PDB file of N, CA and C in Angstrom:
ATOM      1  N   MET A   1      18.969 158.858 111.240  1.00  0.00           N
ATOM      2  CA  MET A   1      19.789 157.598 110.885  1.00  0.00           C
ATOM      3  C   MET A   1      20.304 157.752 109.768  1.00  0.00           C
ATOM      4  N   SER A   2      21.556 157.132 109.550  1.00  0.00           N
ATOM      5  CA  SER A   2      22.220 157.147 108.273  1.00  0.00           C
ATOM      6  C   SER A   2      21.875 156.187 107.230  1.00  0.00           C
ATOM      7  N   ASP A   3      22.054 156.328 105.963  1.00  0.00           N
ATOM      8  CA  ASP A   3      21.856 155.299 104.908  1.00  0.00           C
ATOM      9  C   ASP A   3      23.041 154.329 104.856  1.00  0.00           C
ATOM     10  N   PRO A   4      22.723 153.147 105.204  1.00  0.00           N
ATOM     11  CA  PRO A   4      23.752 152.091 105.066  1.00  0.00           C
ATOM     12  C   PRO A   4      24.601 152.031 103.892  1.00  0.00           C
ATOM     13  N   ASP A   5      23.632 152.192 102.700  1.00  0.00           N
ATOM     14  CA  ASP A   5      24.390 152.109 101.294  1.00  0.00           C
ATOM     15  C   ASP A   5      25.381 153.275 101.090  1.00  0.00           C
ATOM     16  N   ASN A   6      25.091 154.368 101.749  1.00  0.00           N
ATOM     17  CA  ASN A   6      25.869 155.374 101.580  1.00  0.00           C
ATOM     18  C   ASN A   6      26.679 155.884 102.926  1.00  0.00           C
ATOM     19  N   GLN A   7      27.355 154.916 103.235  1.00  0.00           N
ATOM     20  CA  GLN A   7      28.085 154.934 104.591  1.00  0.00           C
ATOM     21  C   GLN A   7      28.919 156.180 104.754  1.00  0.00           C
ATOM     22  N   TYR A   8      29.708 156.494 103.588  1.00  0.00           N
ATOM     23  CA  TYR A   8      30.614 157.573 103.564  1.00  0.00           C
ATOM     24  C   TYR A   8      30.134 158.860 102.625  1.00  0.00           C
ATOM     25  N   GLU A   9      30.131 159.989 103.132  1.00  0.00           N
ATOM     26  CA  GLU A   9      29.607 161.069 102.246  1.00  0.00           C
ATOM     27  C   GLU A   9      30.567 161.332 101.247  1.00  0.00           C
ATOM     28  N   ASP A  10      31.839 161.322 101.527  1.00  0.00           N
ATOM     29  CA  ASP A  10      32.865 161.682 100.546  1.00  0.00           C
ATOM     30  C   ASP A  10      33.500 160.362  99.793  1.00  0.00           C
ATOM     31  N   ASP A  11      32.884 160.052  98.679  1.00  0.00           N
ATOM     32  CA  ASP A  11      33.452 159.034  97.971  1.00  0.00           C
ATOM     33  C   ASP A  11      34.804 159.134  97.351  1.00  0.00           C
ATOM     34  N   ASP A  12      35.353 160.358  97.149  1.00  0.00           N
ATOM     35  CA  ASP A  12      36.690 160.561  96.794  1.00  0.00           C
ATOM     36  C   ASP A  12      37.529 160.220  97.942  1.00  0.00           C
ATOM     37  N   TYR A  13      37.073 160.182  99.228  1.00  0.00           N
ATOM     38  CA  TYR A  13      37.995 159.832 100.216  1.00  0.00           C
ATOM     39  C   TYR A  13      38.383 158.355 100.186  1.00  0.00           C
ATOM     40  N   LEU A  14      37.214 157.531  99.815  1.00  0.00           N
ATOM     41  CA  LEU A  14      37.329 156.179  99.811  1.00  0.00           C
ATOM     42  C   LEU A  14      38.202 155.749  98.583  1.00  0.00           C
ATOM     43  N   GLU A  15      38.158 156.557  97.403  1.00  0.00           N
ATOM     44  CA  GLU A  15      39.089 156.182  96.372  1.00  0.00           C
ATOM     45  C   GLU A  15      40.440 156.281  96.773  1.00  0.00           C
ATOM     46  N   ASP A  16      40.628 157.521  97.322  1.00  0.00           N
ATOM     47  CA  ASP A  16      41.993 157.590  97.816  1.00  0.00           C
ATOM     48  C   ASP A  16      42.728 156.548  98.849  1.00  0.00           C
ATOM     49  N   VAL A  17      41.869 156.066  99.725  1.00  0.00           N
ATOM     50  CA  VAL A  17      42.335 155.296 100.551  1.00  0.00           C
ATOM     51  C   VAL A  17      42.606 154.013  99.833  1.00  0.00           C
ATOM     52  N   ASP A  18      41.594 153.540  99.135  1.00  0.00           N
ATOM     53  CA  ASP A  18      41.869 152.120  98.326  1.00  0.00           C
ATOM     54  C   ASP A  18      42.931 152.282  97.538  1.00  0.00           C
ATOM     55  N   GLU A  19      43.242 153.383  96.799  1.00  0.00           N
ATOM     56  CA  GLU A  19      44.556 153.394  95.925  1.00  0.00           C
ATOM     57  C   GLU A  19      45.759 153.421  96.792  1.00  0.00           C
ATOM     58  N   GLY A  20      45.678 153.653  97.982  1.00  0.00           N
ATOM     59  CA  GLY A  20      47.059 153.603  98.702  1.00  0.00           C
ATOM     60  C   GLY A  20      47.722 154.970  98.682  1.00  0.00           C
ATOM     61  N   GLU A  21      46.802 156.178  98.290  1.00  0.00           N
ATOM     62  CA  GLU A  21      47.443 157.517  98.205  1.00  0.00           C
ATOM     63  C   GLU A  21      47.330 158.176  99.611  1.00  0.00           C
ATOM     64  N   ASP A  22      48.047 159.299  99.841  1.00  0.00           N
ATOM     65  CA  ASP A  22      47.864 160.060 100.966  1.00  0.00           C
ATOM     66  C   ASP A  22      46.654 160.752 100.533  1.00  0.00           C
ATOM     67  N   TYR A  23      45.757 160.626 101.617  1.00  0.00           N
ATOM     68  CA  TYR A  23      44.372 161.465 101.511  1.00  0.00           C
ATOM     69  C   TYR A  23      44.265 162.708 102.269  1.00  0.00           C
ATOM     70  N   ASP A  24      45.250 163.070 102.957  1.00  0.00           N
ATOM     71  CA  ASP A  24      45.360 164.265 103.819  1.00  0.00           C
ATOM     72  C   ASP A  24      46.623 165.056 103.391  1.00  0.00           C
ATOM     73  N   GLN A  25      46.518 165.504 101.971  1.00  0.00           N
ATOM     74  CA  GLN A  25      47.786 166.065 101.410  1.00  0.00           C
ATOM     75  C   GLN A  25      47.931 167.566 101.986  1.00  0.00           C
ATOM     76  N   ASP A  26      47.037 168.080 102.742  1.00  0.00           N
ATOM     77  CA  ASP A  26      46.981 169.279 103.462  1.00  0.00           C
ATOM     78  C   ASP A  26      47.722 169.315 104.788  1.00  0.00           C
ATOM     79  N   ALA A  27      48.160 168.191 105.122  1.00  0.00           N
ATOM     80  CA  ALA A  27      48.484 168.069 106.643  1.00  0.00           C
ATOM     81  C   ALA A  27      50.021 168.608 106.557  1.00  0.00           C
ATOM     82  N   ASP A  28      50.185 169.102 107.649  1.00  0.00           N
ATOM     83  CA  ASP A  28      51.631 169.910 107.995  1.00  0.00           C
ATOM     84  C   ASP A  28      52.589 168.835 108.473  1.00  0.00           C
ATOM     85  N   VAL A  29      53.428 168.603 107.250  1.00  0.00           N
ATOM     86  CA  VAL A  29      54.543 167.511 107.457  1.00  0.00           C
ATOM     87  C   VAL A  29      55.352 167.626 108.907  1.00  0.00           C
ATOM     88  N   ASN A  30      55.651 168.952 109.200  1.00  0.00           N
ATOM     89  CA  ASN A  30      56.478 169.197 110.257  1.00  0.00           C
ATOM     90  C   ASN A  30      55.940 168.725 111.603  1.00  0.00           C
ATOM     91  N   THR A  31      54.541 168.358 111.669  1.00  0.00           N
ATOM     92  CA  THR A  31      54.072 167.875 112.929  1.00  0.00           C
ATOM     93  C   THR A  31      53.897 166.435 113.120  1.00  0.00           C
ATOM     94  N   ILE A  32      54.100 165.661 111.674  1.00  0.00           N
ATOM     95  CA  ILE A  32      53.708 164.272 111.711  1.00  0.00           C
ATOM     96  C   ILE A  32      54.846 163.286 111.951  1.00  0.00           C
ATOM     97  N   ALA A  33      55.944 163.608 111.270  1.00  0.00           N
ATOM     98  CA  ALA A  33      56.911 162.518 111.074  1.00  0.00           C
ATOM     99  C   ALA A  33      57.782 161.905 112.291  1.00  0.00           C
ATOM    100  N   VAL A  34      58.751 162.845 112.614  1.00  0.00           N
ATOM    101  CA  VAL A  34      59.672 162.504 113.593  1.00  0.00           C
ATOM    102  C   VAL A  34      59.697 163.421 114.913  1.00  0.00           C
ATOM    103  N   PRO A  35      58.667 163.466 115.599  1.00  0.00           N
ATOM    104  CA  PRO A  35      58.791 164.604 116.820  1.00  0.00           C
ATOM    105  C   PRO A  35      60.019 164.417 117.680  1.00  0.00           C
ATOM    106  N   THR A  36      60.322 163.220 118.111  1.00  0.00           N
ATOM    107  CA  THR A  36      61.421 163.217 119.033  1.00  0.00           C
ATOM    108  C   THR A  36      62.907 163.719 118.389  1.00  0.00           C
ATOM    109  N   ALA A  37      63.173 163.235 117.151  1.00  0.00           N
ATOM    110  CA  ALA A  37      64.244 163.777 116.474  1.00  0.00           C
ATOM    111  C   ALA A  37      64.186 165.135 116.164  1.00  0.00           C
ATOM    112  N   ARG A  38      63.081 165.591 115.855  1.00  0.00           N
ATOM    113  CA  ARG A  38      62.946 167.125 115.605  1.00  0.00           C
ATOM    114  C   ARG A  38      63.377 167.961 116.784  1.00  0.00           C
ATOM    115  N   ASN A  39      62.738 167.551 118.020  1.00  0.00           N
ATOM    116  CA  ASN A  39      62.879 168.253 119.235  1.00  0.00           C
ATOM    117  C   ASN A  39      64.365 168.153 119.663  1.00  0.00           C
ATOM    118  N   VAL A  40      65.078 167.059 119.587  1.00  0.00           N
ATOM    119  CA  VAL A  40      66.345 166.827 120.023  1.00  0.00           C
ATOM    120  C   VAL A  40      67.410 167.748 119.023  1.00  0.00           C
ATOM    121  N   LEU A  41      67.217 167.654 117.903  1.00  0.00           N
ATOM    122  CA  LEU A  41      68.079 168.699 116.929  1.00  0.00           C
ATOM    123  C   LEU A  41      67.677 169.749 117.216  1.00  0.00           C
ATOM    124  N   GLU A  42      66.633 170.393 117.552  1.00  0.00           N
ATOM    125  CA  GLU A  42      66.372 171.835 117.749  1.00  0.00           C
ATOM    126  C   GLU A  42      67.049 172.259 119.050  1.00  0.00           C
ATOM    127  N   TYR A  43      66.943 171.244 120.036  1.00  0.00           N
ATOM    128  CA  TYR A  43      67.594 171.617 121.383  1.00  0.00           C
ATOM    129  C   TYR A  43      69.052 171.592 121.184  1.00  0.00           C
ATOM    130  N   LEU A  44      69.719 170.780 120.387  1.00  0.00           N
ATOM    131  CA  LEU A  44      71.052 170.628 120.551  1.00  0.00           C
ATOM    132  C   LEU A  44      71.588 171.943 119.636  1.00  0.00           C
ATOM    133  N   VAL A  45      70.968 172.294 118.499  1.00  0.00           N
ATOM    134  CA  VAL A  45      71.547 173.397 117.803  1.00  0.00           C
ATOM    135  C   VAL A  45      71.380 174.715 118.575  1.00  0.00           C
ATOM    136  N   LYS A  46      70.335 174.826 119.155  1.00  0.00           N
ATOM    137  CA  LYS A  46      69.972 176.120 119.989  1.00  0.00           C
ATOM    138  C   LYS A  46      70.987 176.111 121.182  1.00  0.00           C
ATOM    139  N   SER A  47      71.356 175.050 121.433  1.00  0.00           N
ATOM    140  CA  SER A  47      72.562 175.133 122.534  1.00  0.00           C
ATOM    141  C   SER A  47      73.838 175.507 122.098  1.00  0.00           C
ATOM    142  N   VAL A  48      74.174 175.372 120.892  1.00  0.00           N
ATOM    143  CA  VAL A  48      75.518 175.814 120.434  1.00  0.00           C
ATOM    144  C   VAL A  48      75.540 177.110 119.600  1.00  0.00           C
ATOM    145  N   VAL A  49      74.592 177.799 119.240  1.00  0.00           N
ATOM    146  CA  VAL A  49      74.484 179.136 118.614  1.00  0.00           C
ATOM    147  C   VAL A  49      74.365 180.109 119.523  1.00  0.00           C
ATOM    148  N   GLU A  50      74.791 181.193 118.954  1.00  0.00           N
ATOM    149  CA  GLU A  50      74.566 182.529 119.694  1.00  0.00           C
ATOM    150  C   GLU A  50      73.097 183.143 119.579  1.00  0.00           C
ATOM    151  N   HIS A  51      72.343 182.884 118.564  1.00  0.00           N
ATOM    152  CA  HIS A  51      71.046 183.395 118.305  1.00  0.00           C
ATOM    153  C   HIS A  51      70.160 182.091 118.131  1.00  0.00           C
ATOM    154  N   PRO A  52      69.607 181.602 119.283  1.00  0.00           N
ATOM    155  CA  PRO A  52      68.741 180.452 119.329  1.00  0.00           C
ATOM    156  C   PRO A  52      67.434 180.747 118.774  1.00  0.00           C
ATOM    157  N   GLU A  53      67.096 182.029 118.733  1.00  0.00           N
ATOM    158  CA  GLU A  53      65.694 182.349 118.305  1.00  0.00           C
ATOM    159  C   GLU A  53      65.668 182.383 116.766  1.00  0.00           C
ATOM    160  N   GLU A  54      66.740 182.205 116.015  1.00  0.00           N
ATOM    161  CA  GLU A  54      66.766 182.152 114.554  1.00  0.00           C
ATOM    162  C   GLU A  54      66.844 180.721 114.062  1.00  0.00           C
ATOM    163  N   VAL A  55      66.911 179.850 115.078  1.00  0.00           N
ATOM    164  CA  VAL A  55      67.124 178.421 114.554  1.00  0.00           C
ATOM    165  C   VAL A  55      65.773 177.863 114.073  1.00  0.00           C
ATOM    166  N   GLU A  56      65.647 177.346 112.805  1.00  0.00           N
ATOM    167  CA  GLU A  56      64.540 176.873 112.095  1.00  0.00           C
ATOM    168  C   GLU A  56      65.050 175.281 111.719  1.00  0.00           C
ATOM    169  N   VAL A  57      63.972 174.532 112.066  1.00  0.00           N
ATOM    170  CA  VAL A  57      64.049 172.943 111.585  1.00  0.00           C
ATOM    171  C   VAL A  57      62.867 172.817 110.822  1.00  0.00           C
ATOM    172  N   GLU A  58      63.016 172.308 109.573  1.00  0.00           N
ATOM    173  CA  GLU A  58      62.031 171.872 108.583  1.00  0.00           C
ATOM    174  C   GLU A  58      62.002 170.269 108.365  1.00  0.00           C
ATOM    175  N   ILE A  59      61.103 169.701 108.405  1.00  0.00           N
ATOM    176  CA  ILE A  59      60.991 168.234 107.818  1.00  0.00           C
ATOM    177  C   ILE A  59      60.560 168.168 106.402  1.00  0.00           C
ATOM    178  N   VAL A  60      61.603 167.700 105.509  1.00  0.00           N
ATOM    179  CA  VAL A  60      61.346 167.436 104.080  1.00  0.00           C
ATOM    180  C   VAL A  60      61.362 165.919 103.848  1.00  0.00           C
ATOM    181  N   GLU A  61      60.535 165.453 102.977  1.00  0.00           N
ATOM    182  CA  GLU A  61      60.536 164.001 102.590  1.00  0.00           C
ATOM    183  C   GLU A  61      60.795 164.027 101.095  1.00  0.00           C
ATOM    184  N   ARG A  62      61.783 163.271 100.655  1.00  0.00           N
ATOM    185  CA  ARG A  62      62.326 163.118  99.340  1.00  0.00           C
ATOM    186  C   ARG A  62      62.504 161.879  99.026  1.00  0.00           C
ATOM    187  N   ARG A  63      61.804 161.222  97.976  1.00  0.00           N
ATOM    188  CA  ARG A  63      61.914 159.779  97.610  1.00  0.00           C
ATOM    189  C   ARG A  63      61.935 158.762  98.905  1.00  0.00           C
ATOM    190  N   GLY A  64      60.984 159.102  99.708  1.00  0.00           N
ATOM    191  CA  GLY A  64      60.984 158.284 100.799  1.00  0.00           C
ATOM    192  C   GLY A  64      61.932 158.343 101.971  1.00  0.00           C
ATOM    193  N   THR A  65      62.856 159.341 101.911  1.00  0.00           N
ATOM    194  CA  THR A  65      63.672 159.710 102.906  1.00  0.00           C
ATOM    195  C   THR A  65      63.313 160.877 103.575  1.00  0.00           C
ATOM    196  N   ILE A  66      63.346 160.842 104.940  1.00  0.00           N
ATOM    197  CA  ILE A  66      62.964 161.946 105.820  1.00  0.00           C
ATOM    198  C   ILE A  66      64.200 162.774 106.137  1.00  0.00           C
ATOM    199  N   THR A  67      64.193 164.191 105.760  1.00  0.00           N
ATOM    200  CA  THR A  67      65.462 164.867 106.028  1.00  0.00           C
ATOM    201  C   THR A  67      65.070 165.992 106.912  1.00  0.00           C
ATOM    202  N   LEU A  68      65.678 166.205 108.126  1.00  0.00           N
ATOM    203  CA  LEU A  68      65.608 167.459 108.858  1.00  0.00           C
ATOM    204  C   LEU A  68      66.504 168.378 108.235  1.00  0.00           C
ATOM    205  N   GLU A  69      65.881 169.771 107.874  1.00  0.00           N
ATOM    206  CA  GLU A  69      66.860 170.816 107.329  1.00  0.00           C
ATOM    207  C   GLU A  69      66.930 171.778 108.460  1.00  0.00           C
ATOM    208  N   VAL A  70      68.198 172.251 108.710  1.00  0.00           N
ATOM    209  CA  VAL A  70      68.284 173.287 109.867  1.00  0.00           C
ATOM    210  C   VAL A  70      68.902 174.457 109.230  1.00  0.00           C
ATOM    211  N   ALA A  71      68.215 175.570 109.568  1.00  0.00           N
ATOM    212  CA  ALA A  71      68.650 176.992 109.088  1.00  0.00           C
ATOM    213  C   ALA A  71      69.059 177.611 110.386  1.00  0.00           C
ATOM    214  N   VAL A  72      70.149 178.521 110.323  1.00  0.00           N
ATOM    215  CA  VAL A  72      70.599 179.251 111.698  1.00  0.00           C
ATOM    216  C   VAL A  72      70.924 180.446 111.181  1.00  0.00           C
ATOM    217  N   ALA A  73      71.341 181.568 111.982  1.00  0.00           N
ATOM    218  CA  ALA A  73      71.623 182.900 111.812  1.00  0.00           C
ATOM    219  C   ALA A  73      72.866 182.865 110.986  1.00  0.00           C
ATOM    220  N   GLN A  74      73.193 183.941 110.075  1.00  0.00           N
ATOM    221  CA  GLN A  74      74.396 183.807 109.222  1.00  0.00           C
ATOM    222  C   GLN A  74      75.556 183.368 109.958  1.00  0.00           C
ATOM    223  N   GLY A  75      75.943 184.094 111.112  1.00  0.00           N
ATOM    224  CA  GLY A  75      77.242 183.872 111.777  1.00  0.00           C
ATOM    225  C   GLY A  75      77.308 182.812 112.588  1.00  0.00           C
ATOM    226  N   ASP A  76      76.211 181.926 112.750  1.00  0.00           N
ATOM    227  CA  ASP A  76      75.972 180.722 113.747  1.00  0.00           C
ATOM    228  C   ASP A  76      76.521 179.464 112.964  1.00  0.00           C
ATOM    229  N   MET A  77      76.712 179.412 111.651  1.00  0.00           N
ATOM    230  CA  MET A  77      76.909 178.159 110.974  1.00  0.00           C
ATOM    231  C   MET A  77      78.169 177.557 111.275  1.00  0.00           C
ATOM    232  N   GLY A  78      79.166 178.390 111.600  1.00  0.00           N
ATOM    233  CA  GLY A  78      80.466 177.871 111.867  1.00  0.00           C
ATOM    234  C   GLY A  78      80.554 177.243 113.117  1.00  0.00           C
ATOM    235  N   ARG A  79      79.706 177.630 114.085  1.00  0.00           N
ATOM    236  CA  ARG A  79      79.483 176.991 115.560  1.00  0.00           C
ATOM    237  C   ARG A  79      78.964 175.663 115.227  1.00  0.00           C
ATOM    238  N   VAL A  80      77.804 175.646 114.386  1.00  0.00           N
ATOM    239  CA  VAL A  80      77.121 174.294 114.303  1.00  0.00           C
ATOM    240  C   VAL A  80      77.894 173.178 113.437  1.00  0.00           C
ATOM    241  N   ILE A  81      78.829 173.661 112.424  1.00  0.00           N
ATOM    242  CA  ILE A  81      79.714 172.737 111.796  1.00  0.00           C
ATOM    243  C   ILE A  81      80.804 172.323 112.599  1.00  0.00           C
ATOM    244  N   GLY A  82      81.398 173.225 113.375  1.00  0.00           N
ATOM    245  CA  GLY A  82      82.552 172.858 114.132  1.00  0.00           C
ATOM    246  C   GLY A  82      83.800 172.729 113.404  1.00  0.00           C
ATOM    247  N   ARG A  83      84.915 172.485 113.821  1.00  0.00           N
ATOM    248  CA  ARG A  83      86.189 172.142 113.124  1.00  0.00           C
ATOM    249  C   ARG A  83      86.111 170.730 112.574  1.00  0.00           C
ATOM    250  N   ARG A  84      86.443 170.775 111.212  1.00  0.00           N
ATOM    251  CA  ARG A  84      86.354 169.537 110.373  1.00  0.00           C
ATOM    252  C   ARG A  84      84.897 168.781 110.564  1.00  0.00           C
ATOM    253  N   GLY A  85      83.955 169.537 110.751  1.00  0.00           N
ATOM    254  CA  GLY A  85      82.577 168.933 110.942  1.00  0.00           C
ATOM    255  C   GLY A  85      82.241 168.134 111.990  1.00  0.00           C
ATOM    256  N   ARG A  86      83.023 168.247 113.199  1.00  0.00           N
ATOM    257  CA  ARG A  86      82.988 167.234 114.306  1.00  0.00           C
ATOM    258  C   ARG A  86      81.453 167.490 114.812  1.00  0.00           C
ATOM    259  N   VAL A  87      81.292 168.703 115.056  1.00  0.00           N
ATOM    260  CA  VAL A  87      79.937 169.085 115.804  1.00  0.00           C
ATOM    261  C   VAL A  87      78.942 168.768 115.158  1.00  0.00           C
ATOM    262  N   ALA A  88      78.754 169.089 113.639  1.00  0.00           N
ATOM    263  CA  ALA A  88      77.832 168.721 112.846  1.00  0.00           C
ATOM    264  C   ALA A  88      77.571 167.082 112.818  1.00  0.00           C
ATOM    265  N   ASN A  89      78.739 166.414 112.793  1.00  0.00           N
ATOM    266  CA  ASN A  89      78.506 164.932 112.837  1.00  0.00           C
ATOM    267  C   ASN A  89      78.103 164.598 114.066  1.00  0.00           C
ATOM    268  N   SER A  90      78.380 165.053 115.143  1.00  0.00           N
ATOM    269  CA  SER A  90      78.004 164.584 116.402  1.00  0.00           C
ATOM    270  C   SER A  90      76.551 164.723 116.673  1.00  0.00           C
ATOM    271  N   ILE A  91      76.055 166.033 116.145  1.00  0.00           N
ATOM    272  CA  ILE A  91      74.604 166.290 116.145  1.00  0.00           C
ATOM    273  C   ILE A  91      73.815 165.304 115.212  1.00  0.00           C
ATOM    274  N   ARG A  92      74.306 164.894 114.167  1.00  0.00           N
ATOM    275  CA  ARG A  92      73.736 163.738 113.310  1.00  0.00           C
ATOM    276  C   ARG A  92      73.695 162.420 113.975  1.00  0.00           C
ATOM    277  N   THR A  93      74.588 161.981 114.636  1.00  0.00           N
ATOM    278  CA  THR A  93      74.719 160.973 115.268  1.00  0.00           C
ATOM    279  C   THR A  93      73.564 160.844 116.400  1.00  0.00           C
ATOM    280  N   ILE A  94      73.477 161.912 117.297  1.00  0.00           N
ATOM    281  CA  ILE A  94      72.500 161.795 118.298  1.00  0.00           C
ATOM    282  C   ILE A  94      71.332 161.968 117.918  1.00  0.00           C
ATOM    283  N   VAL A  95      70.894 162.715 116.727  1.00  0.00           N
ATOM    284  CA  VAL A  95      69.598 162.799 116.187  1.00  0.00           C
ATOM    285  C   VAL A  95      69.105 161.586 115.466  1.00  0.00           C
ATOM    286  N   ARG A  96      70.089 160.889 114.721  1.00  0.00           N
ATOM    287  CA  ARG A  96      69.605 159.590 114.272  1.00  0.00           C
ATOM    288  C   ARG A  96      69.231 158.592 115.354  1.00  0.00           C
ATOM    289  N   ALA A  97      70.042 158.596 116.465  1.00  0.00           N
ATOM    290  CA  ALA A  97      69.491 157.697 117.602  1.00  0.00           C
ATOM    291  C   ALA A  97      68.129 158.138 118.092  1.00  0.00           C
ATOM    292  N   ALA A  98      67.921 159.363 118.165  1.00  0.00           N
ATOM    293  CA  ALA A  98      66.627 159.956 118.616  1.00  0.00           C
ATOM    294  C   ALA A  98      65.556 159.462 117.681  1.00  0.00           C
ATOM    295  N   ALA A  99      66.022 159.369 116.284  1.00  0.00           N
ATOM    296  CA  ALA A  99      65.104 159.231 115.382  1.00  0.00           C
ATOM    297  C   ALA A  99      64.536 157.530 115.648  1.00  0.00           C
ATOM    298  N   SER A 100      65.378 156.816 116.176  1.00  0.00           N
ATOM    299  CA  SER A 100      65.225 155.466 116.057  1.00  0.00           C
ATOM    300  C   SER A 100      63.857 155.090 117.215  1.00  0.00           C
ATOM    301  N   LYS A 101      63.811 156.140 118.099  1.00  0.00           N
ATOM    302  CA  LYS A 101      62.655 155.955 119.072  1.00  0.00           C
ATOM    303  C   LYS A 101      61.192 156.285 118.178  1.00  0.00           C
ATOM    304  N   ASP A 102      61.388 157.280 117.131  1.00  0.00           N
ATOM    305  CA  ASP A 102      60.130 157.525 116.365  1.00  0.00           C
ATOM    306  C   ASP A 102      60.041 156.366 115.412  1.00  0.00           C
ATOM    307  N   GLY A 103      61.083 155.411 115.162  1.00  0.00           N
ATOM    308  CA  GLY A 103      60.894 154.408 114.290  1.00  0.00           C
ATOM    309  C   GLY A 103      61.300 154.895 112.875  1.00  0.00           C
ATOM    310  N   SER A 104      62.081 155.773 112.672  1.00  0.00           N
ATOM    311  CA  SER A 104      62.458 156.374 111.476  1.00  0.00           C
ATOM    312  C   SER A 104      63.757 156.253 111.285  1.00  0.00           C
ATOM    313  N   ASN A 105      64.186 156.287 109.842  1.00  0.00           N
ATOM    314  CA  ASN A 105      65.690 156.553 109.584  1.00  0.00           C
ATOM    315  C   ASN A 105      65.759 158.034 108.830  1.00  0.00           C
ATOM    316  N   ILE A 106      66.566 158.830 109.293  1.00  0.00           N
ATOM    317  CA  ILE A 106      66.633 160.311 108.823  1.00  0.00           C
ATOM    318  C   ILE A 106      67.936 160.768 108.547  1.00  0.00           C
ATOM    319  N   ALA A 107      68.005 161.875 107.760  1.00  0.00           N
ATOM    320  CA  ALA A 107      69.183 162.492 107.383  1.00  0.00           C
ATOM    321  C   ALA A 107      69.124 164.141 108.011  1.00  0.00           C
ATOM    322  N   VAL A 108      70.234 164.519 108.371  1.00  0.00           N
ATOM    323  CA  VAL A 108      70.203 165.891 108.899  1.00  0.00           C
ATOM    324  C   VAL A 108      71.159 166.768 107.859  1.00  0.00           C
ATOM    325  N   GLU A 109      70.390 167.826 107.366  1.00  0.00           N
ATOM    326  CA  GLU A 109      71.256 168.834 106.576  1.00  0.00           C
ATOM    327  C   GLU A 109      71.275 170.159 107.286  1.00  0.00           C
ATOM    328  N   PHE A 110      72.350 170.770 107.298  1.00  0.00           N
ATOM    329  CA  PHE A 110      72.438 172.121 107.747  1.00  0.00           C
ATOM    330  C   PHE A 110      72.614 173.182 106.538  1.00  0.00           C
ATOM    331  N   ILE A 111      71.519 173.801 106.345  1.00  0.00           N
ATOM    332  CA  ILE A 111      71.274 174.892 105.164  1.00  0.00           C
ATOM    333  C   ILE A 111      71.851 176.078 105.440  1.00  0.00           C
ATOM    334  N   ASP A 112      72.735 176.649 104.493  1.00  0.00           N
ATOM    335  CA  ASP A 112      73.320 177.912 104.645  1.00  0.00           C
ATOM    336  C   ASP A 112      72.333 179.044 104.177  1.00  0.00           C
TER     337      ASP A 112
END
């Protein structure tokens, strides 16, 4: 039977929760934030590149804004950007719509 006065073994956990801090700092951000938007982005980018196995999507949070950063093979960036950035803008629009299902507002950046 547990001691009711010492309900929690880890007092540091309680202090973090009470202060409103992120108590699970070791959690993988790429699996938490915006799964629908991330999956849609990965699907769209893999559909337009020649080397889909080299597509990487990383979720980064800066100043309260969630950014999905996309890296592709060296020769595929032009395909992802498109003429005058039309393909990239279209991908951003669709992914933002998918992010609304996750209840988030996101940005998409294509990393060279």
